[in-house]
Amino acid sequence: MPKETYIPCLLRLFRQYGYDGATLSKISEATGLGKASLYHHFPGGKDEMVKTVLDYIEQWLAKNILPTLHSEGDALSRLQCMCDRLNELYEGGQQPCLFAILLLGSARDVFHNQVKAVLHTWIDAIAGVLIEAGINQKLAHHRGEDAAIMIQGALILSQGLDDPSVFQRVIQRLPEDLCRIEYSREQEQA
């Protein structure tokens, strides 16, 4: 089987155990591959496995999120569609974000640049939608960052409280929060 066959299993493992906790023994057991077969598919070892999963997430974003954000239509609808897709990815808040997990511990130095690039791409796409909706560039970028903060924070809190409704609440109100036009100092200060 091609190594891409094992991506969903690897994603689950790295989400559950993190980089350091997903030992080769656990990976071998979950995939059904012996250690020799794992190295056959992933000669770079665990680092290559994580890179393969990150590449998958990056491709998923390019296929499922970015086209929606770059499409025609009103900002609210485009952002709602993004949130619907993220809701699927995170299984309604029941799954943690791999990015957050990889930015902790020993994996940070290895994968930071790839995670950072994906986050910048996503934040810039959100900001682009908001700029088209009439929000000034600096504020739109801040709101793009705020979107990532709210989503990631909601995922962490949902995991910590064992309550995915926290994520659900945030993901449902996020599009309107991002699109709101305020006649306050927020626009002037941005």
Protein backbone atom coordinates (compact mmCIF):
# COMPACT_ATOMS: atom_id res chain seq x y z
CA MET A 1 0.00 0.00 0.00
CA PRO A 2 1.19 3.55 -0.65
CA LYS A 3 2.24 5.57 2.37
CA GLU A 4 -0.72 7.94 1.86
CA THR A 5 -2.94 5.06 3.02
CA TYR A 6 -1.58 5.53 6.54
CA ILE A 7 -2.14 9.30 6.82
CA PRO A 8 -5.53 9.15 8.65
CA CYS A 9 -4.10 6.72 11.19
CA LEU A 10 -0.96 8.81 11.67
CA LEU A 11 -3.04 11.99 12.03
CA ARG A 12 -5.10 10.36 14.79
CA LEU A 13 -1.97 9.13 16.56
CA PHE A 14 -0.13 12.45 16.46
CA ARG A 15 -3.27 14.30 17.55
CA GLN A 16 -3.73 11.90 20.46
CA TYR A 17 -0.15 11.43 21.65
CA GLY A 18 1.80 14.32 20.16
CA TYR A 19 5.16 13.93 18.51
CA ASP A 20 7.03 12.60 21.52
CA GLY A 21 4.24 10.33 22.74
CA ALA A 22 3.58 8.67 19.38
CA THR A 23 6.28 6.07 19.71
CA LEU A 24 7.27 3.78 16.87
CA SER A 25 5.71 0.92 18.83
CA LYS A 26 2.36 2.74 18.96
CA ILE A 27 2.62 3.70 15.30
CA SER A 28 3.50 0.12 14.34
CA GLU A 29 0.58 -1.26 16.34
CA ALA A 30 -1.93 1.27 14.95
CA THR A 31 -0.87 0.92 11.31
CA GLY A 32 -0.28 -2.81 11.42
CA LEU A 33 3.17 -2.27 9.95
CA GLY A 34 6.33 -3.66 11.48
CA LYS A 35 9.13 -1.21 12.17
CA ALA A 36 10.99 -2.32 9.03
CA SER A 37 7.88 -1.66 6.92
CA LEU A 38 7.42 1.73 8.56
CA TYR A 39 10.96 2.69 7.56
CA HIS A 40 10.33 1.32 4.08
CA HIS A 41 7.36 3.69 3.67
CA PHE A 42 8.91 6.50 5.70
CA PRO A 43 12.73 6.29 5.40
CA GLY A 44 13.01 9.54 7.36
CA GLY A 45 11.31 7.91 10.34
CA LYS A 46 8.85 9.74 12.55
CA ASP A 47 9.88 13.16 11.19
CA GLU A 48 8.88 12.06 7.68
CA MET A 49 5.60 10.67 9.02
CA VAL A 50 4.73 14.00 10.61
CA LYS A 51 5.83 15.90 7.49
CA THR A 52 3.57 13.66 5.40
CA VAL A 53 0.65 14.41 7.73
CA LEU A 54 1.40 18.16 7.65
CA ASP A 55 1.56 18.04 3.85
CA TYR A 56 -1.84 16.33 3.89
CA ILE A 57 -3.30 19.06 6.11
CA GLU A 58 -1.77 21.74 3.89
CA GLN A 59 -3.32 20.08 0.82
CA TRP A 60 -6.64 19.75 2.66
CA LEU A 61 -6.55 23.49 3.39
CA ALA A 62 -5.70 24.24 -0.24
CA LYS A 63 -8.59 22.08 -1.43
CA ASN A 64 -11.28 22.79 1.18
CA ILE A 65 -10.68 26.20 2.73
CA LEU A 66 -8.73 28.46 0.39
CA PRO A 67 -11.00 28.04 -2.66
CA THR A 68 -13.98 28.97 -0.50
CA LEU A 69 -12.26 32.06 0.85
CA HIS A 70 -11.05 33.09 -2.63
CA SER A 71 -14.44 32.47 -4.27
CA GLU A 72 -17.15 34.93 -5.22
CA GLY A 73 -19.91 35.79 -2.81
CA ASP A 74 -20.44 37.73 0.35
CA ALA A 75 -17.90 37.54 3.14
CA LEU A 76 -20.32 36.09 5.68
CA SER A 77 -21.21 33.14 3.46
CA ARG A 78 -17.59 32.41 2.56
CA LEU A 79 -16.50 32.51 6.19
CA GLN A 80 -19.47 30.35 7.22
CA CYS A 81 -18.44 27.77 4.63
CA MET A 82 -14.88 27.85 6.03
CA CYS A 83 -16.24 27.25 9.52
CA ASP A 84 -18.40 24.38 8.30
CA ARG A 85 -15.35 22.69 6.78
CA LEU A 86 -13.27 23.27 9.93
CA ASN A 87 -16.10 21.78 11.95
CA GLU A 88 -15.76 18.63 9.83
CA LEU A 89 -11.94 18.56 10.17
CA TYR A 90 -12.10 18.84 13.94
CA GLU A 91 -15.12 16.55 14.21
CA GLY A 92 -17.27 19.14 15.92
CA GLY A 93 -14.54 20.05 18.40
CA GLN A 94 -13.79 16.49 19.45
CA GLN A 95 -10.37 16.45 17.78
CA PRO A 96 -7.45 18.69 18.75
CA CYS A 97 -5.41 20.65 16.25
CA LEU A 98 -2.17 19.00 15.22
CA PHE A 99 -0.51 22.40 14.80
CA ALA A 100 -0.94 23.23 18.48
CA ILE A 101 0.42 19.83 19.46
CA LEU A 102 3.46 20.09 17.20
CA LEU A 103 4.40 23.54 18.43
CA LEU A 104 5.05 22.13 21.89
CA GLY A 105 7.98 19.98 22.90
CA SER A 106 10.81 18.74 20.76
CA ALA A 107 8.85 18.82 17.49
CA ARG A 108 8.64 22.63 17.47
CA ASP A 109 12.06 23.24 15.98
CA VAL A 110 11.55 20.60 13.31
CA PHE A 111 8.08 21.60 12.08
CA HIS A 112 7.71 25.25 13.08
CA ASN A 113 8.43 26.71 9.65
CA GLN A 114 5.88 24.51 7.89
CA VAL A 115 3.19 25.19 10.49
CA LYS A 116 3.97 28.91 10.37
CA ALA A 117 3.66 29.00 6.57
CA VAL A 118 0.28 27.23 6.63
CA LEU A 119 -1.03 29.57 9.34
CA HIS A 120 0.12 32.64 7.38
CA THR A 121 -1.61 31.37 4.24
CA TRP A 122 -4.86 30.78 6.13
CA ILE A 123 -4.78 34.09 8.03
CA ASP A 124 -4.00 36.02 4.84
CA ALA A 125 -6.94 34.35 3.05
CA ILE A 126 -9.32 35.32 5.87
CA ALA A 127 -7.95 38.87 5.82
CA GLY A 128 -8.49 39.03 2.05
CA VAL A 129 -12.18 38.22 2.48
CA LEU A 130 -12.53 40.93 5.11
CA ILE A 131 -10.69 43.52 3.00
CA GLU A 132 -13.10 42.79 0.15
CA ALA A 133 -15.94 43.36 2.65
CA GLY A 134 -14.64 46.86 3.37
CA ILE A 135 -12.54 46.36 6.48
CA ASN A 136 -9.18 48.10 6.34
CA GLN A 137 -6.12 45.96 5.72
CA LYS A 138 -4.51 46.10 9.14
CA LEU A 139 -7.74 45.39 11.00
CA ALA A 140 -8.59 42.60 8.54
CA HIS A 141 -5.24 40.96 9.24
CA HIS A 142 -5.77 41.30 12.99
CA ARG A 143 -9.18 39.68 12.63
CA GLY A 144 -7.62 36.85 10.60
CA GLU A 145 -5.26 36.25 13.50
CA ASP A 146 -8.18 36.52 15.92
CA ALA A 147 -10.00 33.83 13.95
CA ALA A 148 -7.06 31.45 14.37
CA ILE A 149 -6.85 32.35 18.07
CA MET A 150 -10.56 31.75 18.65
CA ILE A 151 -10.57 28.44 16.77
CA GLN A 152 -7.41 27.14 18.43
CA GLY A 153 -8.47 28.37 21.85
CA ALA A 154 -11.89 26.78 21.48
CA LEU A 155 -10.28 23.48 20.48
CA ILE A 156 -7.99 23.54 23.52
CA LEU A 157 -10.81 24.44 25.88
CA SER A 158 -13.11 21.80 24.35
CA GLN A 159 -10.41 19.18 24.90
CA GLY A 160 -9.64 20.38 28.42
CA LEU A 161 -13.29 20.45 29.49
CA ASP A 162 -14.33 17.38 27.48
CA ASP A 163 -17.04 19.62 26.05
CA PRO A 164 -17.10 20.13 22.27
CA SER A 165 -19.97 22.59 22.62
CA VAL A 166 -17.34 25.27 23.38
CA PHE A 167 -15.89 24.80 19.90
CA GLN A 168 -19.38 24.64 18.39
CA ARG A 169 -20.34 27.97 19.97
CA VAL A 170 -17.21 29.71 18.68
CA ILE A 171 -17.39 28.25 15.18
CA GLN A 172 -21.06 29.27 14.85
CA ARG A 173 -20.58 32.91 15.79
CA LEU A 174 -17.13 33.43 14.24
CA PRO A 175 -18.24 34.53 10.73
CA GLU A 176 -20.45 37.32 12.10
CA ASP A 177 -17.80 38.39 14.60
CA LEU A 178 -15.21 38.66 11.84
CA CYS A 179 -17.50 40.62 9.50
CA ARG A 180 -18.88 43.13 11.95
CA ILE A 181 -18.31 46.73 11.00
CA GLU A 182 -17.81 48.98 13.97
CA TYR A 183 -17.77 52.72 13.92
CA SER A 184 -15.35 52.97 16.78
CA ARG A 185 -11.71 53.48 17.40
CA GLU A 186 -11.00 49.94 16.25
CA GLN A 187 -11.10 51.04 12.56
CA GLU A 188 -9.16 54.22 13.24
CA GLN A 189 -6.47 52.48 15.28
CA ALA A 190 -5.89 49.71 12.77
